[in-house]
Amino acid sequence: MQEGRAISSLRKYTVSHHANVPRSYMDSFVLFAISCPIDVAGTRTALGASLSFFALLRVSELIALKWDVLIWSNGLLRVSVP
């Protein structure tokens, strides 16, 4: 390190954005879950994917959800993230 100068160890990253997921993909998750009601893991995955997509949740927020933060009101599902 030179006198009076700090050397940065931060790396430079290029930001790339992914294409938006079409709503039809999410609809297909839900239709798949409805068609296989015995498949608990598939139903849970479809529900989690739909919730995270429509409520704009990160994976950590989705995993931390509890039933008491999901509130039905006027035909809409309200998701409150602490």
Protein backbone atom coordinates (compact mmCIF):
# COMPACT_ATOMS: atom_id res chain seq x y z
CA MET A 1 0.00 0.00 0.00
CA GLN A 2 1.33 3.37 -0.95
CA GLU A 3 1.48 6.24 1.50
CA GLY A 4 -1.92 7.98 1.66
CA ARG A 5 -3.58 5.67 -0.90
CA ALA A 6 -5.87 2.74 -0.15
CA ILE A 7 -6.00 -0.18 -2.53
CA SER A 8 -9.54 -1.40 -3.15
CA SER A 9 -10.14 -5.12 -3.05
CA LEU A 10 -13.66 -4.78 -4.45
CA ARG A 11 -14.26 -6.59 -7.72
CA LYS A 12 -16.12 -5.03 -10.59
CA TYR A 13 -19.12 -7.06 -11.82
CA THR A 14 -21.21 -6.60 -14.91
CA VAL A 15 -24.91 -6.47 -14.15
CA SER A 16 -27.05 -8.56 -16.46
CA HIS A 17 -30.82 -8.65 -16.34
CA HIS A 18 -32.85 -11.73 -17.14
CA ALA A 19 -35.93 -11.73 -19.29
CA ASN A 20 -39.25 -11.46 -17.45
CA VAL A 21 -41.03 -14.72 -16.68
CA PRO A 22 -44.30 -14.83 -18.60
CA ARG A 23 -47.43 -15.17 -16.49
CA SER A 24 -48.36 -18.23 -18.58
CA TYR A 25 -45.42 -20.08 -17.00
CA MET A 26 -46.84 -19.43 -13.54
CA ASP A 27 -50.30 -20.48 -14.70
CA SER A 28 -48.80 -23.77 -15.93
CA PHE A 29 -47.30 -24.38 -12.45
CA VAL A 30 -50.72 -23.94 -10.87
CA LEU A 31 -52.46 -26.12 -13.48
CA PHE A 32 -49.87 -28.84 -12.91
CA ALA A 33 -50.45 -28.73 -9.15
CA ILE A 34 -54.22 -28.94 -9.66
CA SER A 35 -53.85 -31.93 -11.99
CA CYS A 36 -51.72 -33.86 -9.46
CA PRO A 37 -53.31 -33.17 -6.04
CA ILE A 38 -51.66 -36.27 -4.54
CA ASP A 39 -48.18 -34.88 -5.31
CA VAL A 40 -47.64 -32.82 -2.14
CA ALA A 41 -44.13 -31.71 -3.12
CA GLY A 42 -45.34 -30.53 -6.53
CA THR A 43 -48.25 -28.65 -5.00
CA ARG A 44 -45.95 -27.01 -2.44
CA THR A 45 -43.49 -26.03 -5.18
CA ALA A 46 -46.26 -24.57 -7.35
CA LEU A 47 -47.67 -22.60 -4.42
CA GLY A 48 -44.22 -21.29 -3.46
CA ALA A 49 -43.38 -20.33 -7.04
CA SER A 50 -46.71 -18.55 -7.46
CA LEU A 51 -46.42 -16.69 -4.16
CA SER A 52 -42.87 -15.58 -4.80
CA PHE A 53 -43.71 -14.50 -8.36
CA PHE A 54 -46.86 -12.52 -7.64
CA ALA A 55 -45.80 -11.11 -4.25
CA LEU A 56 -42.25 -10.34 -5.47
CA LEU A 57 -40.69 -12.38 -2.67
CA ARG A 58 -37.07 -13.40 -2.34
CA VAL A 59 -36.45 -17.07 -1.58
CA SER A 60 -35.51 -16.23 2.02
CA GLU A 61 -38.78 -14.28 2.44
CA LEU A 62 -40.80 -17.14 0.97
CA ILE A 63 -39.21 -19.69 3.29
CA ALA A 64 -39.83 -17.46 6.32
CA LEU A 65 -43.58 -17.05 5.60
CA LYS A 66 -46.05 -18.15 8.25
CA TRP A 67 -49.76 -18.80 7.73
CA ASP A 68 -50.75 -15.81 9.88
CA VAL A 69 -49.14 -13.34 7.43
CA LEU A 70 -51.34 -14.59 4.57
CA ILE A 71 -54.65 -12.73 4.73
CA TRP A 72 -57.59 -13.18 2.32
CA SER A 73 -59.46 -9.92 1.81
CA ASN A 74 -62.00 -9.05 -0.92
CA GLY A 75 -60.88 -11.98 -3.08
CA LEU A 76 -57.21 -11.03 -2.84
CA LEU A 77 -54.40 -12.65 -0.90
CA ARG A 78 -52.40 -10.14 1.12
CA VAL A 79 -48.87 -11.23 2.00
CA SER A 80 -47.17 -9.29 4.80
CA VAL A 81 -43.42 -9.75 5.02
CA PRO A 82 -41.99 -8.76 8.41
